[in-house]
PDB file of N, CA and C in Angstrom:
ATOM      1  N   MET A   1      18.043 -12.825 -47.225  1.00  0.00           N
ATOM      2  CA  MET A   1      19.487 -12.879 -47.354  1.00  0.00           C
ATOM      3  C   MET A   1      20.103 -13.486 -46.089  1.00  0.00           C
ATOM      4  N   LEU A   2      19.515 -13.180 -44.956  1.00  0.00           N
ATOM      5  CA  LEU A   2      20.051 -13.771 -43.730  1.00  0.00           C
ATOM      6  C   LEU A   2      19.798 -15.275 -43.664  1.00  0.00           C
ATOM      7  N   SER A   3      18.794 -15.743 -44.390  1.00  0.00           N
ATOM      8  CA  SER A   3      18.584 -17.194 -44.432  1.00  0.00           C
ATOM      9  C   SER A   3      19.735 -17.875 -45.167  1.00  0.00           C
ATOM     10  N   TRP A   4      20.362 -17.178 -46.131  1.00  0.00           N
ATOM     11  CA  TRP A   4      21.525 -17.726 -46.819  1.00  0.00           C
ATOM     12  C   TRP A   4      22.686 -17.862 -45.847  1.00  0.00           C
ATOM     13  N   VAL A   5      22.814 -16.885 -44.942  1.00  0.00           N
ATOM     14  CA  VAL A   5      23.881 -16.938 -43.943  1.00  0.00           C
ATOM     15  C   VAL A   5      23.722 -18.186 -43.087  1.00  0.00           C
ATOM     16  N   VAL A   6      22.498 -18.419 -42.643  1.00  0.00           N
ATOM     17  CA  VAL A   6      22.236 -19.584 -41.802  1.00  0.00           C
ATOM     18  C   VAL A   6      22.488 -20.869 -42.586  1.00  0.00           C
ATOM     19  N   THR A   7      22.082 -20.887 -43.860  1.00  0.00           N
ATOM     20  CA  THR A   7      22.294 -22.070 -44.693  1.00  0.00           C
ATOM     21  C   THR A   7      23.781 -22.395 -44.836  1.00  0.00           C
ATOM     22  N   PHE A   8      24.592 -21.378 -45.178  1.00  0.00           N
ATOM     23  CA  PHE A   8      26.018 -21.621 -45.338  1.00  0.00           C
ATOM     24  C   PHE A   8      26.676 -21.968 -44.005  1.00  0.00           C
ATOM     25  N   LEU A   9      26.176 -21.403 -42.906  1.00  0.00           N
ATOM     26  CA  LEU A   9      26.717 -21.746 -41.596  1.00  0.00           C
ATOM     27  C   LEU A   9      26.435 -23.201 -41.258  1.00  0.00           C
ATOM     28  N   ILE A  10      25.237 -23.668 -41.562  1.00  0.00           N
ATOM     29  CA  ILE A  10      24.896 -25.077 -41.301  1.00  0.00           C
ATOM     30  C   ILE A  10      25.729 -25.998 -42.182  1.00  0.00           C
ATOM     31  N   ILE A  11      25.905 -25.617 -43.456  1.00  0.00           N
ATOM     32  CA  ILE A  11      26.761 -26.417 -44.353  1.00  0.00           C
ATOM     33  C   ILE A  11      28.170 -26.495 -43.798  1.00  0.00           C
ATOM     34  N   ALA A  12      28.677 -25.357 -43.310  1.00  0.00           N
ATOM     35  CA  ALA A  12      30.032 -25.330 -42.760  1.00  0.00           C
ATOM     36  C   ALA A  12      30.148 -26.207 -41.516  1.00  0.00           C
ATOM     37  N   LEU A  13      29.147 -26.163 -40.656  1.00  0.00           N
ATOM     38  CA  LEU A  13      29.190 -26.982 -39.436  1.00  0.00           C
ATOM     39  C   LEU A  13      29.142 -28.465 -39.765  1.00  0.00           C
ATOM     40  N   VAL A  14      28.261 -28.845 -40.687  1.00  0.00           N
ATOM     41  CA  VAL A  14      28.158 -30.253 -41.065  1.00  0.00           C
ATOM     42  C   VAL A  14      29.443 -30.712 -41.754  1.00  0.00           C
ATOM     43  N   ALA A  15      29.973 -29.887 -42.661  1.00  0.00           N
ATOM     44  CA  ALA A  15      31.217 -30.250 -43.345  1.00  0.00           C
ATOM     45  C   ALA A  15      32.379 -30.330 -42.359  1.00  0.00           C
ATOM     46  N   GLY A  16      32.393 -29.448 -41.378  1.00  0.00           N
ATOM     47  CA  GLY A  16      33.444 -29.494 -40.368  1.00  0.00           C
ATOM     48  C   GLY A  16      33.373 -30.744 -39.523  1.00  0.00           C
ATOM     49  N   LEU A  17      32.156 -31.164 -39.182  1.00  0.00           N
ATOM     50  CA  LEU A  17      31.987 -32.392 -38.400  1.00  0.00           C
ATOM     51  C   LEU A  17      32.406 -33.627 -39.196  1.00  0.00           C
ATOM     52  N   LEU A  18      32.184 -33.586 -40.505  1.00  0.00           N
ATOM     53  CA  LEU A  18      32.528 -34.733 -41.340  1.00  0.00           C
ATOM     54  C   LEU A  18      33.979 -34.715 -41.794  1.00  0.00           C
ATOM     55  N   GLY A  19      34.695 -33.635 -41.511  1.00  0.00           N
ATOM     56  CA  GLY A  19      36.109 -33.588 -41.832  1.00  0.00           C
ATOM     57  C   GLY A  19      36.458 -32.958 -43.161  1.00  0.00           C
ATOM     58  N   PHE A  20      35.500 -32.297 -43.792  1.00  0.00           N
ATOM     59  CA  PHE A  20      35.761 -31.623 -45.059  1.00  0.00           C
ATOM     60  C   PHE A  20      36.182 -30.188 -44.772  1.00  0.00           C
ATOM     61  N   ALA A  21      37.452 -29.985 -44.487  1.00  0.00           N
ATOM     62  CA  ALA A  21      37.941 -28.670 -44.054  1.00  0.00           C
ATOM     63  C   ALA A  21      37.828 -27.627 -45.151  1.00  0.00           C
ATOM     64  N   GLY A  22      38.063 -28.004 -46.391  1.00  0.00           N
ATOM     65  CA  GLY A  22      37.989 -27.048 -47.495  1.00  0.00           C
ATOM     66  C   GLY A  22      36.589 -26.500 -47.696  1.00  0.00           C
ATOM     67  N   ILE A  23      35.611 -27.400 -47.683  1.00  0.00           N
ATOM     68  CA  ILE A  23      34.216 -26.989 -47.856  1.00  0.00           C
ATOM     69  C   ILE A  23      33.756 -26.170 -46.659  1.00  0.00           C
ATOM     70  N   ALA A  24      34.155 -26.563 -45.462  1.00  0.00           N
ATOM     71  CA  ALA A  24      33.764 -25.839 -44.260  1.00  0.00           C
ATOM     72  C   ALA A  24      34.325 -24.425 -44.278  1.00  0.00           C
ATOM     73  N   GLY A  25      35.585 -24.283 -44.645  1.00  0.00           N
ATOM     74  CA  GLY A  25      36.208 -22.961 -44.694  1.00  0.00           C
ATOM     75  C   GLY A  25      35.560 -22.065 -45.733  1.00  0.00           C
ATOM     76  N   ALA A  26      35.266 -22.624 -46.893  1.00  0.00           N
ATOM     77  CA  ALA A  26      34.622 -21.851 -47.954  1.00  0.00           C
ATOM     78  C   ALA A  26      33.222 -21.423 -47.543  1.00  0.00           C
ATOM     79  N   SER A  27      32.487 -22.312 -46.895  1.00  0.00           N
ATOM     80  CA  SER A  27      31.133 -21.979 -46.469  1.00  0.00           C
ATOM     81  C   SER A  27      31.135 -20.896 -45.400  1.00  0.00           C
ATOM     82  N   ILE A  28      32.096 -20.950 -44.487  1.00  0.00           N
ATOM     83  CA  ILE A  28      32.205 -19.914 -43.461  1.00  0.00           C
ATOM     84  C   ILE A  28      32.500 -18.564 -44.105  1.00  0.00           C
ATOM     85  N   GLU A  29      33.398 -18.549 -45.080  1.00  0.00           N
ATOM     86  CA  GLU A  29      33.736 -17.287 -45.751  1.00  0.00           C
ATOM     87  C   GLU A  29      32.535 -16.724 -46.504  1.00  0.00           C
ATOM     88  N   ILE A  30      31.797 -17.582 -47.182  1.00  0.00           N
ATOM     89  CA  ILE A  30      30.604 -17.135 -47.903  1.00  0.00           C
ATOM     90  C   ILE A  30      29.575 -16.595 -46.923  1.00  0.00           C
ATOM     91  N   ALA A  31      29.385 -17.285 -45.796  1.00  0.00           N
ATOM     92  CA  ALA A  31      28.434 -16.827 -44.780  1.00  0.00           C
ATOM     93  C   ALA A  31      28.838 -15.458 -44.236  1.00  0.00           C
ATOM     94  N   LYS A  32      30.134 -15.244 -44.015  1.00  0.00           N
ATOM     95  CA  LYS A  32      30.599 -13.941 -43.525  1.00  0.00           C
ATOM     96  C   LYS A  32      30.308 -12.833 -44.532  1.00  0.00           C
ATOM     97  N   VAL A  33      30.618 -13.096 -45.794  1.00  0.00           N
ATOM     98  CA  VAL A  33      30.412 -12.086 -46.835  1.00  0.00           C
ATOM     99  C   VAL A  33      28.935 -11.738 -46.964  1.00  0.00           C
ATOM    100  N   VAL A  34      28.081 -12.748 -47.025  1.00  0.00           N
ATOM    101  CA  VAL A  34      26.647 -12.510 -47.169  1.00  0.00           C
ATOM    102  C   VAL A  34      26.105 -11.774 -45.945  1.00  0.00           C
ATOM    103  N   PHE A  35      26.604 -12.109 -44.760  1.00  0.00           N
ATOM    104  CA  PHE A  35      26.164 -11.431 -43.544  1.00  0.00           C
ATOM    105  C   PHE A  35      26.512  -9.951 -43.588  1.00  0.00           C
ATOM    106  N   PHE A  36      27.745  -9.622 -43.972  1.00  0.00           N
ATOM    107  CA  PHE A  36      28.140  -8.223 -44.010  1.00  0.00           C
ATOM    108  C   PHE A  36      27.422  -7.455 -45.121  1.00  0.00           C
ATOM    109  N   ILE A  37      27.114  -8.110 -46.221  1.00  0.00           N
ATOM    110  CA  ILE A  37      26.314  -7.470 -47.265  1.00  0.00           C
ATOM    111  C   ILE A  37      24.913  -7.164 -46.742  1.00  0.00           C
ATOM    112  N   ALA A  38      24.320  -8.104 -46.014  1.00  0.00           N
ATOM    113  CA  ALA A  38      22.989  -7.889 -45.446  1.00  0.00           C
ATOM    114  C   ALA A  38      23.002  -6.735 -44.447  1.00  0.00           C
ATOM    115  N   ILE A  39      24.027  -6.656 -43.606  1.00  0.00           N
ATOM    116  CA  ILE A  39      24.133  -5.554 -42.649  1.00  0.00           C
ATOM    117  C   ILE A  39      24.293  -4.228 -43.381  1.00  0.00           C
ATOM    118  N   ALA A  40      25.123  -4.200 -44.420  1.00  0.00           N
ATOM    119  CA  ALA A  40      25.337  -2.965 -45.188  1.00  0.00           C
ATOM    120  C   ALA A  40      24.040  -2.516 -45.860  1.00  0.00           C
ATOM    121  N   LEU A  41      23.312  -3.442 -46.458  1.00  0.00           N
ATOM    122  CA  LEU A  41      22.048  -3.088 -47.097  1.00  0.00           C
ATOM    123  C   LEU A  41      21.027  -2.586 -46.086  1.00  0.00           C
ATOM    124  N   PHE A  42      21.012  -3.168 -44.897  1.00  0.00           N
ATOM    125  CA  PHE A  42      20.110  -2.689 -43.852  1.00  0.00           C
ATOM    126  C   PHE A  42      20.452  -1.269 -43.450  1.00  0.00           C
ATOM    127  N   LEU A  43      21.742  -0.993 -43.254  1.00  0.00           N
ATOM    128  CA  LEU A  43      22.147   0.356 -42.852  1.00  0.00           C
ATOM    129  C   LEU A  43      21.845   1.376 -43.946  1.00  0.00           C
ATOM    130  N   ILE A  44      22.091   1.027 -45.192  1.00  0.00           N
ATOM    131  CA  ILE A  44      21.768   1.931 -46.302  1.00  0.00           C
ATOM    132  C   ILE A  44      20.267   2.190 -46.345  1.00  0.00           C
ATOM    133  N   SER A  45      19.473   1.157 -46.175  1.00  0.00           N
ATOM    134  CA  SER A  45      18.018   1.304 -46.164  1.00  0.00           C
ATOM    135  C   SER A  45      17.563   2.201 -45.018  1.00  0.00           C
ATOM    136  N   ALA A  46      18.164   2.046 -43.847  1.00  0.00           N
ATOM    137  CA  ALA A  46      17.788   2.867 -42.699  1.00  0.00           C
ATOM    138  C   ALA A  46      18.149   4.328 -42.928  1.00  0.00           C
ATOM    139  N   VAL A  47      19.325   4.596 -43.488  1.00  0.00           N
ATOM    140  CA  VAL A  47      19.754   5.977 -43.751  1.00  0.00           C
ATOM    141  C   VAL A  47      18.858   6.625 -44.801  1.00  0.00           C
ATOM    142  N   VAL A  48      18.551   5.911 -45.870  1.00  0.00           N
ATOM    143  CA  VAL A  48      17.690   6.456 -46.914  1.00  0.00           C
ATOM    144  C   VAL A  48      16.292   6.720 -46.360  1.00  0.00           C
ATOM    145  N   SER A  49      15.786   5.832 -45.543  1.00  0.00           N
ATOM    146  CA  SER A  49      14.475   6.010 -44.941  1.00  0.00           C
ATOM    147  C   SER A  49      14.439   7.241 -44.040  1.00  0.00           C
ATOM    148  N   LEU A  50      15.484   7.436 -43.260  1.00  0.00           N
ATOM    149  CA  LEU A  50      15.550   8.606 -42.392  1.00  0.00           C
ATOM    150  C   LEU A  50      15.719   9.891 -43.202  1.00  0.00           C
ATOM    151  N   ALA A  51      16.444   9.823 -44.302  1.00  0.00           N
ATOM    152  CA  ALA A  51      16.667  11.005 -45.144  1.00  0.00           C
ATOM    153  C   ALA A  51      15.383  11.422 -45.852  1.00  0.00           C
ATOM    154  N   ARG A  52      14.536  10.509 -46.150  1.00  0.00           N
ATOM    155  CA  ARG A  52      13.266  10.827 -46.804  1.00  0.00           C
ATOM    156  C   ARG A  52      12.245  11.384 -45.821  1.00  0.00           C
ATOM    157  N   GLY A  53      12.537  11.307 -44.556  1.00  0.00           N
ATOM    158  CA  GLY A  53      11.618  11.846 -43.558  1.00  0.00           C
ATOM    159  C   GLY A  53      10.696  10.837 -42.928  1.00  0.00           C
ATOM    160  N   ARG A  54      10.862   9.607 -43.297  1.00  0.00           N
ATOM    161  CA  ARG A  54      10.069   8.561 -42.667  1.00  0.00           C
ATOM    162  C   ARG A  54      10.810   8.071 -41.438  1.00  0.00           C
ATOM    163  N   GLY A  55      10.200   8.179 -40.293  1.00  0.00           N
ATOM    164  CA  GLY A  55      10.866   7.796 -39.053  1.00  0.00           C
ATOM    165  C   GLY A  55      10.836   6.307 -38.783  1.00  0.00           C
ATOM    166  N   ASN A  56       9.939   5.593 -39.450  1.00  0.00           N
ATOM    167  CA  ASN A  56       9.833   4.153 -39.214  1.00  0.00           C
ATOM    168  C   ASN A  56      10.872   3.412 -40.022  1.00  0.00           C
ATOM    169  N   VAL A  57      11.707   2.650 -39.336  1.00  0.00           N
ATOM    170  CA  VAL A  57      12.752   1.879 -40.019  1.00  0.00           C
ATOM    171  C   VAL A  57      12.319   0.441 -40.077  1.00  0.00           C
TER     172      VAL A  57
END
């Protein structure tokens, strides 16, 4: 999932350099959303792992 963040970030940077402001803005927003979803899923996974008694995250 974090590879998607990097992909959309690269698309946004390239589109920004070429002057496509709409595509760059949309790609940045998508990258932000995917990044926060990945962080949320990681935190949920860590909490569930700790609740089950497994100390390794």
